[in-house]
């Protein structure tokens, strides 16, 4: 176990570590949330988070792949077109991060309608933590320190905004939530994996966007 830990924590395995950390953190968070809400009769919210994360992972994978393809097509990289490269990554990752905040804010709006004050506090605390977990997931693909700092701040900011003004989140992301609600999430994920593998094979695309590499 010690040798495996040293290998995983080595700088050469940082990319793998980021993926595994995001996956494990997501699973642990969902497990603890379910265990907490089950006795309180709020498992519906936990199940919505599970489905939401499943779709979120899928969307992050697919959009990141398309971003890499677009950056290759327009020849954007850290050396020739640094500003365009960074801004495009910030724009997409920020949009994804805000999308999760909108999803959670809308889910909470339906869950706290008949909840007591202390239950509402618990649910909103879970919502805040879920935004942090989403930021870690996004950070597994957008690994630059700039991306992670901006997206974490954006996660908290947009969660607060969409919680106060949920109609704004519905106006921006409601069409997408309505679309995916009609599709079985496992099919979405399977399509994303097939899409990723096909594009990677045909164009030798590396599914990673890095800012300020070491």
N, C-alpha and C. Protein backbone atom coordinates (compact mmCIF):
# COMPACT_ATOMS: atom_id res chain seq x y z
N UNK A 1 0.83 -1.21 0.00
CA UNK A 1 0.00 0.00 0.00
C UNK A 1 0.86 1.25 0.00
N UNK A 2 1.98 1.20 0.76
CA UNK A 2 2.86 2.35 0.82
C UNK A 2 3.51 2.65 -0.51
N UNK A 3 3.93 1.60 -1.22
CA UNK A 3 4.55 1.78 -2.52
C UNK A 3 3.54 2.33 -3.53
N UNK A 4 2.31 1.83 -3.45
CA UNK A 4 1.27 2.32 -4.36
C UNK A 4 0.98 3.79 -4.10
N UNK A 5 0.96 4.18 -2.83
CA UNK A 5 0.70 5.59 -2.48
C UNK A 5 1.81 6.48 -3.02
N UNK A 6 3.05 6.03 -2.88
CA UNK A 6 4.17 6.82 -3.39
C UNK A 6 4.08 6.97 -4.91
N UNK A 7 3.71 5.87 -5.57
CA UNK A 7 3.59 5.90 -7.03
C UNK A 7 2.48 6.84 -7.47
N UNK A 8 1.33 6.76 -6.78
CA UNK A 8 0.17 7.58 -7.15
C UNK A 8 0.41 9.05 -6.89
N UNK A 9 1.17 9.36 -5.83
CA UNK A 9 1.42 10.75 -5.47
C UNK A 9 2.61 11.34 -6.22
N UNK A 10 3.26 10.54 -7.02
CA UNK A 10 4.39 11.05 -7.80
C UNK A 10 3.91 12.07 -8.82
N UNK A 11 4.75 13.02 -9.13
CA UNK A 11 4.37 14.10 -10.05
C UNK A 11 3.93 13.57 -11.41
N UNK A 12 4.52 12.48 -11.84
CA UNK A 12 4.17 11.90 -13.14
C UNK A 12 2.74 11.34 -13.16
N UNK A 13 2.20 11.05 -12.00
CA UNK A 13 0.85 10.48 -11.91
C UNK A 13 -0.18 11.50 -11.44
N UNK A 14 0.17 12.78 -11.52
CA UNK A 14 -0.74 13.82 -11.02
C UNK A 14 -2.08 13.79 -11.75
N UNK A 15 -2.03 13.56 -13.05
CA UNK A 15 -3.26 13.52 -13.84
C UNK A 15 -4.17 12.40 -13.36
N UNK A 16 -3.62 11.22 -13.17
CA UNK A 16 -4.39 10.08 -12.67
C UNK A 16 -4.91 10.35 -11.27
N UNK A 17 -4.06 10.95 -10.43
CA UNK A 17 -4.48 11.26 -9.07
C UNK A 17 -5.67 12.22 -9.06
N UNK A 18 -5.65 13.22 -9.93
CA UNK A 18 -6.76 14.18 -10.00
C UNK A 18 -8.07 13.47 -10.35
N UNK A 19 -8.02 12.57 -11.32
CA UNK A 19 -9.22 11.82 -11.71
C UNK A 19 -9.73 10.97 -10.55
N UNK A 20 -8.82 10.19 -9.96
CA UNK A 20 -9.23 9.29 -8.89
C UNK A 20 -9.75 10.05 -7.68
N UNK A 21 -9.10 11.17 -7.36
CA UNK A 21 -9.55 11.96 -6.21
C UNK A 21 -10.96 12.49 -6.45
N UNK A 22 -11.22 12.96 -7.66
CA UNK A 22 -12.55 13.48 -7.98
C UNK A 22 -13.60 12.38 -7.89
N UNK A 23 -13.28 11.20 -8.40
CA UNK A 23 -14.23 10.08 -8.36
C UNK A 23 -14.51 9.64 -6.93
N UNK A 24 -13.44 9.45 -6.15
CA UNK A 24 -13.61 9.00 -4.77
C UNK A 24 -14.35 10.04 -3.94
N UNK A 25 -13.99 11.31 -4.10
CA UNK A 25 -14.67 12.37 -3.36
C UNK A 25 -16.15 12.39 -3.70
N UNK A 26 -16.48 12.23 -4.97
CA UNK A 26 -17.87 12.23 -5.40
C UNK A 26 -18.64 11.07 -4.77
N UNK A 27 -18.04 9.88 -4.80
CA UNK A 27 -18.71 8.70 -4.23
C UNK A 27 -18.90 8.85 -2.74
N UNK A 28 -17.86 9.29 -2.04
CA UNK A 28 -17.95 9.45 -0.58
C UNK A 28 -19.00 10.50 -0.22
N UNK A 29 -19.01 11.60 -0.94
CA UNK A 29 -20.00 12.65 -0.67
C UNK A 29 -21.43 12.14 -0.85
N UNK A 30 -21.68 11.42 -1.94
CA UNK A 30 -23.02 10.90 -2.18
C UNK A 30 -23.41 9.85 -1.13
N UNK A 31 -22.46 9.02 -0.73
CA UNK A 31 -22.75 8.00 0.28
C UNK A 31 -23.10 8.64 1.62
N UNK A 32 -22.30 9.62 2.04
CA UNK A 32 -22.57 10.29 3.31
C UNK A 32 -23.87 11.09 3.26
N UNK A 33 -24.12 11.72 2.13
CA UNK A 33 -25.37 12.48 1.98
C UNK A 33 -26.59 11.57 2.07
N UNK A 34 -26.50 10.42 1.41
CA UNK A 34 -27.62 9.46 1.45
C UNK A 34 -27.84 8.94 2.87
N UNK A 35 -26.74 8.61 3.56
CA UNK A 35 -26.85 8.11 4.93
C UNK A 35 -27.43 9.17 5.87
N UNK A 36 -27.12 10.44 5.59
CA UNK A 36 -27.64 11.52 6.43
C UNK A 36 -29.12 11.79 6.15
N UNK A 37 -29.49 11.78 4.88
CA UNK A 37 -30.86 12.17 4.53
C UNK A 37 -31.86 11.03 4.61
N UNK A 38 -31.37 9.81 4.56
CA UNK A 38 -32.28 8.66 4.60
C UNK A 38 -33.14 8.64 5.87
N UNK A 39 -32.54 8.73 7.06
CA UNK A 39 -33.39 8.73 8.27
C UNK A 39 -34.30 9.95 8.36
N UNK A 40 -33.96 11.01 7.64
CA UNK A 40 -34.75 12.23 7.69
C UNK A 40 -35.84 12.27 6.63
N UNK A 41 -35.93 11.19 5.85
CA UNK A 41 -36.96 11.12 4.84
C UNK A 41 -36.73 12.02 3.65
N UNK A 42 -35.45 12.31 3.34
CA UNK A 42 -35.12 13.20 2.23
C UNK A 42 -34.25 12.52 1.18
N UNK A 43 -34.47 11.25 0.99
CA UNK A 43 -33.64 10.51 0.03
C UNK A 43 -33.88 10.98 -1.41
N UNK A 44 -35.03 11.59 -1.66
CA UNK A 44 -35.31 12.07 -3.02
C UNK A 44 -34.26 13.08 -3.47
N UNK A 45 -33.86 13.95 -2.55
CA UNK A 45 -32.84 14.95 -2.88
C UNK A 45 -31.50 14.28 -3.16
N UNK A 46 -31.16 13.26 -2.36
CA UNK A 46 -29.91 12.53 -2.57
C UNK A 46 -29.92 11.83 -3.92
N UNK A 47 -31.05 11.25 -4.30
CA UNK A 47 -31.15 10.58 -5.59
C UNK A 47 -31.03 11.57 -6.75
N UNK A 48 -31.56 12.77 -6.57
CA UNK A 48 -31.43 13.79 -7.60
C UNK A 48 -29.97 14.20 -7.78
N UNK A 49 -29.25 14.26 -6.66
CA UNK A 49 -27.82 14.57 -6.75
C UNK A 49 -27.07 13.47 -7.48
N UNK A 50 -27.41 12.21 -7.20
CA UNK A 50 -26.74 11.10 -7.87
C UNK A 50 -26.94 11.18 -9.38
N UNK A 51 -28.18 11.35 -9.80
CA UNK A 51 -28.46 11.46 -11.24
C UNK A 51 -27.78 12.70 -11.82
N UNK A 52 -27.80 13.78 -11.05
CA UNK A 52 -27.19 15.03 -11.51
C UNK A 52 -25.70 14.87 -11.74
N UNK A 53 -25.02 14.21 -10.81
CA UNK A 53 -23.57 14.02 -10.96
C UNK A 53 -23.26 13.10 -12.14
N UNK A 54 -24.08 12.09 -12.32
CA UNK A 54 -23.86 11.18 -13.45
C UNK A 54 -23.88 11.97 -14.76
N UNK A 55 -24.89 12.83 -14.91
CA UNK A 55 -25.00 13.65 -16.12
C UNK A 55 -23.90 14.69 -16.17
N UNK A 56 -23.55 15.24 -15.02
CA UNK A 56 -22.50 16.27 -14.97
C UNK A 56 -21.16 15.71 -15.46
N UNK A 57 -20.80 14.53 -14.98
CA UNK A 57 -19.57 13.89 -15.44
C UNK A 57 -19.60 13.71 -16.96
N UNK A 58 -20.74 13.24 -17.46
CA UNK A 58 -20.88 13.01 -18.90
C UNK A 58 -20.70 14.29 -19.69
N UNK A 59 -21.35 15.35 -19.25
CA UNK A 59 -21.27 16.64 -19.95
C UNK A 59 -19.84 17.19 -19.90
N UNK A 60 -19.19 17.07 -18.75
CA UNK A 60 -17.82 17.56 -18.62
C UNK A 60 -16.89 16.82 -19.59
N UNK A 61 -17.04 15.50 -19.66
CA UNK A 61 -16.19 14.70 -20.55
C UNK A 61 -16.40 15.11 -22.01
N UNK A 62 -17.67 15.19 -22.42
CA UNK A 62 -17.97 15.47 -23.82
C UNK A 62 -17.56 16.89 -24.22
N UNK A 63 -17.89 17.87 -23.39
CA UNK A 63 -17.59 19.26 -23.74
C UNK A 63 -16.08 19.52 -23.71
N UNK A 64 -15.38 18.87 -22.79
CA UNK A 64 -13.93 19.03 -22.75
C UNK A 64 -13.28 18.45 -24.00
N UNK A 65 -13.78 17.30 -24.43
CA UNK A 65 -13.28 16.72 -25.66
C UNK A 65 -13.51 17.66 -26.84
N UNK A 66 -14.71 18.21 -26.93
CA UNK A 66 -15.00 19.13 -28.04
C UNK A 66 -14.17 20.40 -27.94
N UNK A 67 -13.89 20.84 -26.72
CA UNK A 67 -13.04 22.01 -26.53
C UNK A 67 -11.63 21.75 -27.04
N UNK A 68 -11.10 20.60 -26.72
CA UNK A 68 -9.76 20.24 -27.19
C UNK A 68 -9.72 20.19 -28.71
N UNK A 69 -10.76 19.62 -29.30
CA UNK A 69 -10.83 19.56 -30.76
C UNK A 69 -10.87 20.96 -31.36
N UNK A 70 -11.68 21.84 -30.78
CA UNK A 70 -11.79 23.21 -31.29
C UNK A 70 -10.47 23.95 -31.15
N UNK A 71 -9.78 23.76 -30.02
CA UNK A 71 -8.50 24.44 -29.81
C UNK A 71 -7.45 23.92 -30.79
N UNK A 72 -7.49 22.64 -31.11
CA UNK A 72 -6.56 22.10 -32.10
C UNK A 72 -6.88 22.65 -33.49
N UNK A 73 -8.19 22.72 -33.81
CA UNK A 73 -8.60 23.19 -35.12
C UNK A 73 -8.18 24.64 -35.35
N UNK A 74 -8.39 25.48 -34.31
CA UNK A 74 -8.03 26.90 -34.43
C UNK A 74 -6.59 27.18 -34.00
N UNK A 75 -5.85 26.11 -33.71
CA UNK A 75 -4.44 26.21 -33.35
C UNK A 75 -4.21 27.14 -32.15
N UNK A 76 -4.99 26.89 -31.11
CA UNK A 76 -4.83 27.64 -29.87
C UNK A 76 -4.03 26.80 -28.88
N UNK A 77 -2.93 27.34 -28.39
CA UNK A 77 -2.15 26.65 -27.38
C UNK A 77 -1.50 27.66 -26.46
N UNK A 78 -0.72 27.16 -25.50
CA UNK A 78 -0.13 28.04 -24.50
C UNK A 78 0.94 28.97 -25.07
N UNK A 79 1.46 28.64 -26.23
CA UNK A 79 2.62 29.37 -26.72
C UNK A 79 2.29 30.33 -27.85
N UNK A 80 1.38 29.93 -28.74
CA UNK A 80 1.09 30.81 -29.88
C UNK A 80 -0.09 31.73 -29.63
N UNK A 81 -1.14 31.22 -28.95
CA UNK A 81 -2.35 32.04 -28.70
C UNK A 81 -2.78 31.81 -27.26
N UNK A 82 -1.95 32.26 -26.35
CA UNK A 82 -2.15 32.00 -24.92
C UNK A 82 -3.48 32.54 -24.42
N UNK A 83 -3.79 33.82 -24.73
CA UNK A 83 -5.01 34.45 -24.23
C UNK A 83 -6.25 33.70 -24.67
N UNK A 84 -6.33 33.37 -25.96
CA UNK A 84 -7.50 32.66 -26.48
C UNK A 84 -7.62 31.29 -25.85
N UNK A 85 -6.48 30.64 -25.63
CA UNK A 85 -6.47 29.31 -25.04
C UNK A 85 -7.02 29.34 -23.62
N UNK A 86 -6.54 30.26 -22.83
CA UNK A 86 -6.97 30.35 -21.43
C UNK A 86 -8.41 30.82 -21.32
N UNK A 87 -8.78 31.84 -22.09
CA UNK A 87 -10.13 32.40 -22.01
C UNK A 87 -11.17 31.36 -22.43
N UNK A 88 -10.89 30.61 -23.48
CA UNK A 88 -11.84 29.59 -23.92
C UNK A 88 -12.04 28.53 -22.84
N UNK A 89 -10.95 28.14 -22.17
CA UNK A 89 -11.06 27.17 -21.09
C UNK A 89 -11.83 27.73 -19.90
N UNK A 90 -11.57 28.97 -19.56
CA UNK A 90 -12.30 29.61 -18.46
C UNK A 90 -13.78 29.72 -18.77
N UNK A 91 -14.10 30.09 -20.01
CA UNK A 91 -15.50 30.28 -20.40
C UNK A 91 -16.28 28.97 -20.29
N UNK A 92 -15.72 27.90 -20.85
CA UNK A 92 -16.45 26.63 -20.84
C UNK A 92 -16.51 26.03 -19.44
N UNK A 93 -15.39 26.00 -18.74
CA UNK A 93 -15.40 25.42 -17.39
C UNK A 93 -16.29 26.23 -16.46
N UNK A 94 -16.28 27.54 -16.61
CA UNK A 94 -17.15 28.38 -15.79
C UNK A 94 -18.61 28.15 -16.08
N UNK A 95 -18.94 27.96 -17.36
CA UNK A 95 -20.33 27.68 -17.74
C UNK A 95 -20.79 26.35 -17.14
N UNK A 96 -19.92 25.35 -17.18
CA UNK A 96 -20.24 24.05 -16.59
C UNK A 96 -20.42 24.17 -15.08
N UNK A 97 -19.53 24.91 -14.44
CA UNK A 97 -19.60 25.06 -13.00
C UNK A 97 -20.87 25.78 -12.57
N UNK A 98 -21.20 26.85 -13.28
CA UNK A 98 -22.43 27.58 -12.97
C UNK A 98 -23.66 26.72 -13.24
N UNK A 99 -23.56 25.83 -14.24
CA UNK A 99 -24.67 24.94 -14.53
C UNK A 99 -24.99 24.02 -13.37
N UNK A 100 -23.94 23.51 -12.73
CA UNK A 100 -24.19 22.67 -11.55
C UNK A 100 -24.84 23.48 -10.43
N UNK A 101 -24.38 24.69 -10.22
CA UNK A 101 -24.97 25.53 -9.18
C UNK A 101 -26.45 25.78 -9.46
N UNK A 102 -26.78 25.99 -10.73
CA UNK A 102 -28.18 26.20 -11.10
C UNK A 102 -29.01 24.95 -10.84
N UNK A 103 -28.45 23.79 -11.18
CA UNK A 103 -29.15 22.52 -10.96
C UNK A 103 -29.45 22.31 -9.48
N UNK A 104 -28.45 22.52 -8.64
CA UNK A 104 -28.64 22.30 -7.20
C UNK A 104 -29.62 23.32 -6.62
N UNK A 105 -29.51 24.57 -7.05
CA UNK A 105 -30.41 25.61 -6.54
C UNK A 105 -31.86 25.29 -6.88
N UNK A 106 -32.10 24.81 -8.10
CA UNK A 106 -33.46 24.46 -8.51
C UNK A 106 -33.95 23.21 -7.77
N UNK A 107 -33.05 22.25 -7.55
CA UNK A 107 -33.42 21.05 -6.80
C UNK A 107 -33.77 21.40 -5.36
N UNK A 108 -33.02 22.31 -4.78
CA UNK A 108 -33.29 22.74 -3.40
C UNK A 108 -34.60 23.49 -3.30
N UNK A 109 -34.92 24.27 -4.31
CA UNK A 109 -36.18 25.03 -4.27
C UNK A 109 -37.37 24.10 -4.10
N UNK A 110 -37.31 22.93 -4.75
CA UNK A 110 -38.40 21.96 -4.64
C UNK A 110 -38.32 21.16 -3.34
N UNK A 111 -37.13 21.05 -2.77
CA UNK A 111 -36.95 20.20 -1.59
C UNK A 111 -37.22 20.91 -0.27
N UNK A 112 -37.10 22.22 -0.24
CA UNK A 112 -37.23 22.95 1.02
C UNK A 112 -38.61 23.58 1.20
N UNK A 113 -39.51 23.35 0.26
CA UNK A 113 -40.82 23.99 0.36
C UNK A 113 -41.57 23.60 1.63
N UNK A 114 -41.47 22.31 2.01
CA UNK A 114 -42.17 21.84 3.20
C UNK A 114 -41.20 21.47 4.32
N UNK A 115 -39.98 21.96 4.25
CA UNK A 115 -38.96 21.60 5.24
C UNK A 115 -38.94 22.60 6.39
N UNK A 116 -38.54 22.11 7.55
CA UNK A 116 -38.37 22.99 8.71
C UNK A 116 -37.11 23.83 8.52
N UNK A 117 -36.92 24.79 9.41
CA UNK A 117 -35.77 25.69 9.28
C UNK A 117 -34.46 24.93 9.36
N UNK A 118 -34.32 24.04 10.35
CA UNK A 118 -33.06 23.32 10.51
C UNK A 118 -32.82 22.35 9.37
N UNK A 119 -33.91 21.76 8.84
CA UNK A 119 -33.76 20.87 7.69
C UNK A 119 -33.32 21.65 6.45
N UNK A 120 -33.87 22.83 6.28
CA UNK A 120 -33.47 23.67 5.15
C UNK A 120 -31.99 24.04 5.25
N UNK A 121 -31.52 24.31 6.47
CA UNK A 121 -30.11 24.64 6.66
C UNK A 121 -29.23 23.45 6.26
N UNK A 122 -29.65 22.24 6.67
CA UNK A 122 -28.90 21.03 6.31
C UNK A 122 -28.85 20.85 4.80
N UNK A 123 -29.98 21.03 4.15
CA UNK A 123 -30.05 20.84 2.69
C UNK A 123 -29.20 21.87 1.95
N UNK A 124 -29.25 23.12 2.42
CA UNK A 124 -28.44 24.15 1.76
C UNK A 124 -26.95 23.92 2.00
N UNK A 125 -26.61 23.42 3.18
CA UNK A 125 -25.19 23.09 3.45
C UNK A 125 -24.72 21.98 2.50
N UNK A 126 -25.57 20.99 2.29
CA UNK A 126 -25.24 19.92 1.34
C UNK A 126 -25.09 20.50 -0.06
N UNK A 127 -25.95 21.46 -0.39
CA UNK A 127 -25.86 22.10 -1.70
C UNK A 127 -24.53 22.81 -1.91
N UNK A 128 -24.07 23.52 -0.89
CA UNK A 128 -22.79 24.21 -0.98
C UNK A 128 -21.64 23.22 -1.17
N UNK A 129 -21.66 22.15 -0.37
CA UNK A 129 -20.61 21.14 -0.48
C UNK A 129 -20.64 20.48 -1.86
N UNK A 130 -21.85 20.26 -2.39
CA UNK A 130 -21.96 19.64 -3.72
C UNK A 130 -21.32 20.52 -4.78
N UNK A 131 -21.39 21.83 -4.61
CA UNK A 131 -20.74 22.74 -5.56
C UNK A 131 -19.23 22.62 -5.49
N UNK A 132 -18.71 22.41 -4.29
CA UNK A 132 -17.26 22.19 -4.14
C UNK A 132 -16.86 20.89 -4.84
N UNK A 133 -17.65 19.83 -4.65
CA UNK A 133 -17.36 18.56 -5.30
C UNK A 133 -17.39 18.73 -6.82
N UNK A 134 -18.36 19.48 -7.32
CA UNK A 134 -18.42 19.74 -8.76
C UNK A 134 -17.19 20.50 -9.24
N UNK A 135 -16.69 21.42 -8.41
CA UNK A 135 -15.48 22.17 -8.77
C UNK A 135 -14.27 21.24 -8.84
N UNK A 136 -14.22 20.24 -7.97
CA UNK A 136 -13.13 19.26 -8.02
C UNK A 136 -13.22 18.42 -9.29
N UNK A 137 -14.44 18.07 -9.68
CA UNK A 137 -14.63 17.30 -10.92
C UNK A 137 -14.17 18.11 -12.12
N UNK A 138 -14.59 19.36 -12.19
CA UNK A 138 -14.16 20.23 -13.28
C UNK A 138 -12.64 20.39 -13.25
N UNK A 139 -12.08 20.52 -12.04
CA UNK A 139 -10.65 20.69 -11.89
C UNK A 139 -9.83 19.48 -12.31
N UNK A 140 -10.48 18.31 -12.40
CA UNK A 140 -9.77 17.12 -12.86
C UNK A 140 -9.47 17.20 -14.36
N UNK A 141 -10.22 18.04 -15.06
CA UNK A 141 -10.02 18.20 -16.50
C UNK A 141 -9.40 19.55 -16.83
N UNK A 142 -9.74 20.57 -16.08
CA UNK A 142 -9.15 21.90 -16.26
C UNK A 142 -8.20 22.11 -15.08
N UNK A 143 -6.97 21.67 -15.24
CA UNK A 143 -6.10 21.47 -14.09
C UNK A 143 -5.28 22.69 -13.67
N UNK A 144 -5.33 23.74 -14.43
CA UNK A 144 -4.53 24.91 -14.06
C UNK A 144 -5.02 25.55 -12.77
N UNK A 145 -4.08 26.11 -12.04
CA UNK A 145 -4.44 26.79 -10.80
C UNK A 145 -5.43 27.92 -11.02
N UNK A 146 -5.29 28.62 -12.14
CA UNK A 146 -6.22 29.70 -12.45
C UNK A 146 -7.64 29.18 -12.62
N UNK A 147 -7.79 28.08 -13.36
CA UNK A 147 -9.11 27.48 -13.55
C UNK A 147 -9.73 27.09 -12.21
N UNK A 148 -8.97 26.43 -11.40
CA UNK A 148 -9.51 25.92 -10.13
C UNK A 148 -9.91 27.05 -9.20
N UNK A 149 -9.11 28.08 -9.14
CA UNK A 149 -9.43 29.21 -8.27
C UNK A 149 -10.68 29.93 -8.74
N UNK A 150 -10.74 30.22 -10.03
CA UNK A 150 -11.89 30.94 -10.58
C UNK A 150 -13.16 30.11 -10.46
N UNK A 151 -13.10 28.84 -10.79
CA UNK A 151 -14.30 28.00 -10.78
C UNK A 151 -14.81 27.74 -9.37
N UNK A 152 -13.92 27.63 -8.40
CA UNK A 152 -14.38 27.45 -7.02
C UNK A 152 -15.11 28.69 -6.54
N UNK A 153 -14.54 29.87 -6.83
CA UNK A 153 -15.22 31.12 -6.46
C UNK A 153 -16.54 31.26 -7.20
N UNK A 154 -16.53 30.89 -8.48
CA UNK A 154 -17.75 30.97 -9.28
C UNK A 154 -18.82 30.01 -8.77
N UNK A 155 -18.40 28.85 -8.30
CA UNK A 155 -19.36 27.87 -7.77
C UNK A 155 -20.14 28.44 -6.60
N UNK A 156 -19.43 29.06 -5.67
CA UNK A 156 -20.09 29.61 -4.49
C UNK A 156 -20.93 30.83 -4.86
N UNK A 157 -20.38 31.69 -5.71
CA UNK A 157 -21.09 32.90 -6.11
C UNK A 157 -22.38 32.57 -6.86
N UNK A 158 -22.30 31.71 -7.86
CA UNK A 158 -23.48 31.40 -8.66
C UNK A 158 -24.51 30.60 -7.85
N UNK A 159 -24.04 29.78 -6.92
CA UNK A 159 -24.99 29.06 -6.07
C UNK A 159 -25.81 30.05 -5.26
N UNK A 160 -25.14 31.05 -4.71
CA UNK A 160 -25.86 32.07 -3.95
C UNK A 160 -26.83 32.85 -4.83
N UNK A 161 -26.39 33.21 -6.02
CA UNK A 161 -27.25 33.98 -6.93
C UNK A 161 -28.46 33.15 -7.35
N UNK A 162 -28.25 31.91 -7.74
CA UNK A 162 -29.36 31.07 -8.22
C UNK A 162 -30.27 30.64 -7.08
N UNK A 163 -29.74 30.59 -5.86
CA UNK A 163 -30.59 30.28 -4.71
C UNK A 163 -31.55 31.44 -4.45
N UNK A 164 -31.04 32.66 -4.54
CA UNK A 164 -31.87 33.84 -4.33
C UNK A 164 -32.79 34.08 -5.53
N UNK A 165 -32.29 33.80 -6.72
CA UNK A 165 -33.03 34.07 -7.95
C UNK A 165 -33.04 32.80 -8.81
N UNK A 166 -33.81 31.79 -8.42
CA UNK A 166 -33.80 30.51 -9.15
C UNK A 166 -34.33 30.62 -10.58
N UNK A 167 -35.18 31.60 -10.84
CA UNK A 167 -35.70 31.76 -12.20
C UNK A 167 -34.59 32.10 -13.19
N UNK A 168 -33.53 32.75 -12.70
CA UNK A 168 -32.40 33.06 -13.58
C UNK A 168 -31.70 31.78 -14.00
N UNK A 169 -31.49 30.87 -13.05
CA UNK A 169 -30.87 29.59 -13.38
C UNK A 169 -31.73 28.79 -14.33
N UNK A 170 -33.05 28.83 -14.12
CA UNK A 170 -33.97 28.11 -15.00
C UNK A 170 -33.97 28.71 -16.40
N UNK A 171 -33.82 30.02 -16.49
CA UNK A 171 -33.83 30.69 -17.79
C UNK A 171 -32.58 30.34 -18.60
N UNK A 172 -31.44 30.20 -17.92
CA UNK A 172 -30.18 29.93 -18.61
C UNK A 172 -29.99 28.45 -18.91
N UNK A 173 -30.32 27.61 -17.93
CA UNK A 173 -30.02 26.18 -18.07
C UNK A 173 -31.26 25.29 -18.12
N UNK A 174 -32.43 25.87 -17.98
CA UNK A 174 -33.65 25.07 -17.90
C UNK A 174 -33.88 24.19 -19.11
N UNK A 175 -33.55 24.69 -20.31
CA UNK A 175 -33.75 23.92 -21.53
C UNK A 175 -32.92 22.63 -21.52
N UNK A 176 -31.69 22.74 -20.97
CA UNK A 176 -30.83 21.57 -20.92
C UNK A 176 -31.33 20.57 -19.89
N UNK A 177 -31.75 21.07 -18.72
CA UNK A 177 -32.28 20.18 -17.69
C UNK A 177 -33.51 19.44 -18.19
N UNK A 178 -34.34 20.14 -18.94
CA UNK A 178 -35.54 19.52 -19.51
C UNK A 178 -35.16 18.45 -20.52
N UNK A 179 -34.13 18.73 -21.30
CA UNK A 179 -33.70 17.78 -22.33
C UNK A 179 -33.18 16.50 -21.70
N UNK A 180 -32.26 16.62 -20.76
CA UNK A 180 -31.64 15.41 -20.18
C UNK A 180 -32.61 14.65 -19.29
N UNK A 181 -33.64 15.33 -18.77
CA UNK A 181 -34.62 14.64 -17.93
C UNK A 181 -35.42 13.62 -18.73
N UNK A 182 -35.43 13.79 -20.06
CA UNK A 182 -36.17 12.87 -20.92
C UNK A 182 -35.31 11.70 -21.39
N UNK A 183 -34.02 11.75 -21.07
CA UNK A 183 -33.10 10.71 -21.54
C UNK A 183 -32.56 9.93 -20.35
N UNK A 184 -32.55 8.62 -20.46
CA UNK A 184 -31.99 7.79 -19.39
C UNK A 184 -30.51 8.10 -19.24
N UNK A 185 -30.05 8.50 -18.04
CA UNK A 185 -28.66 8.97 -17.87
C UNK A 185 -27.60 7.96 -18.26
N UNK A 186 -27.89 6.66 -18.13
CA UNK A 186 -26.90 5.66 -18.50
C UNK A 186 -26.63 5.69 -20.00
N UNK A 187 -27.65 5.99 -20.79
CA UNK A 187 -27.46 6.09 -22.23
C UNK A 187 -26.59 7.29 -22.57
N UNK A 188 -26.79 8.39 -21.83
CA UNK A 188 -25.98 9.58 -22.07
C UNK A 188 -24.52 9.28 -21.79
N UNK A 189 -24.25 8.62 -20.68
CA UNK A 189 -22.88 8.32 -20.29
C UNK A 189 -22.24 7.35 -21.29
N UNK A 190 -23.00 6.33 -21.71
CA UNK A 190 -22.47 5.38 -22.67
C UNK A 190 -22.13 6.07 -23.98
N UNK A 191 -22.99 6.97 -24.41
CA UNK A 191 -22.72 7.72 -25.64
C UNK A 191 -21.47 8.57 -25.48
N UNK A 192 -21.29 9.18 -24.30
CA UNK A 192 -20.12 10.02 -24.06
C UNK A 192 -18.84 9.21 -24.13
N UNK A 193 -18.85 8.02 -23.55
CA UNK A 193 -17.65 7.17 -23.57
C UNK A 193 -17.32 6.75 -25.00
N UNK A 194 -18.34 6.33 -25.75
CA UNK A 194 -18.12 5.93 -27.14
C UNK A 194 -17.59 7.11 -27.96
N UNK A 195 -18.20 8.29 -27.73
CA UNK A 195 -17.77 9.49 -28.44
C UNK A 195 -16.32 9.82 -28.12
N UNK A 196 -15.96 9.77 -26.85
CA UNK A 196 -14.61 10.09 -26.42
C UNK A 196 -13.59 9.13 -27.02
N UNK A 197 -13.89 7.84 -26.97
CA UNK A 197 -12.96 6.85 -27.48
C UNK A 197 -12.80 6.96 -29.00
N UNK A 198 -13.90 7.23 -29.68
CA UNK A 198 -13.84 7.35 -31.14
C UNK A 198 -13.00 8.54 -31.56
N UNK A 199 -13.28 9.69 -30.96
CA UNK A 199 -12.55 10.90 -31.31
C UNK A 199 -11.08 10.77 -30.94
N UNK A 200 -10.80 10.18 -29.78
CA UNK A 200 -9.41 10.00 -29.36
C UNK A 200 -8.65 9.11 -30.33
N UNK A 201 -9.32 8.07 -30.80
CA UNK A 201 -8.67 7.14 -31.72
C UNK A 201 -8.41 7.80 -33.08
N UNK A 202 -9.40 8.55 -33.57
CA UNK A 202 -9.28 9.14 -34.90
C UNK A 202 -8.33 10.32 -34.97
N UNK A 203 -8.30 11.10 -33.89
CA UNK A 203 -7.51 12.34 -33.95
C UNK A 203 -6.40 12.42 -32.92
N UNK A 204 -6.24 11.35 -32.11
CA UNK A 204 -5.18 11.31 -31.12
C UNK A 204 -5.25 12.53 -30.21
N UNK A 205 -6.47 12.81 -29.72
CA UNK A 205 -6.69 13.95 -28.83
C UNK A 205 -6.45 13.52 -27.40
N UNK A 206 -5.78 14.33 -26.68
CA UNK A 206 -5.54 14.06 -25.26
C UNK A 206 -6.55 14.85 -24.44
N UNK A 207 -7.35 14.14 -23.63
CA UNK A 207 -8.44 14.77 -22.88
C UNK A 207 -7.89 15.49 -21.66
N UNK A 208 -7.32 16.66 -21.92
CA UNK A 208 -6.76 17.43 -20.82
C UNK A 208 -6.54 18.84 -21.26
N UNK A 209 -6.87 19.81 -20.43
CA UNK A 209 -6.57 21.21 -20.68
C UNK A 209 -5.75 21.69 -19.51
N UNK A 210 -4.54 22.14 -19.77
CA UNK A 210 -3.61 22.50 -18.70
C UNK A 210 -3.18 23.93 -18.84
N UNK A 211 -3.24 24.67 -17.74
CA UNK A 211 -2.75 26.04 -17.71
C UNK A 211 -1.59 26.10 -16.72
N UNK A 212 -0.55 26.82 -17.10
CA UNK A 212 0.63 26.96 -16.27
C UNK A 212 1.22 25.60 -15.89
N UNK A 213 1.57 24.77 -16.89
CA UNK A 213 2.15 23.46 -16.56
C UNK A 213 3.47 23.59 -15.85
N UNK A 214 3.76 22.63 -15.01
CA UNK A 214 5.02 22.67 -14.26
C UNK A 214 6.16 22.23 -15.17
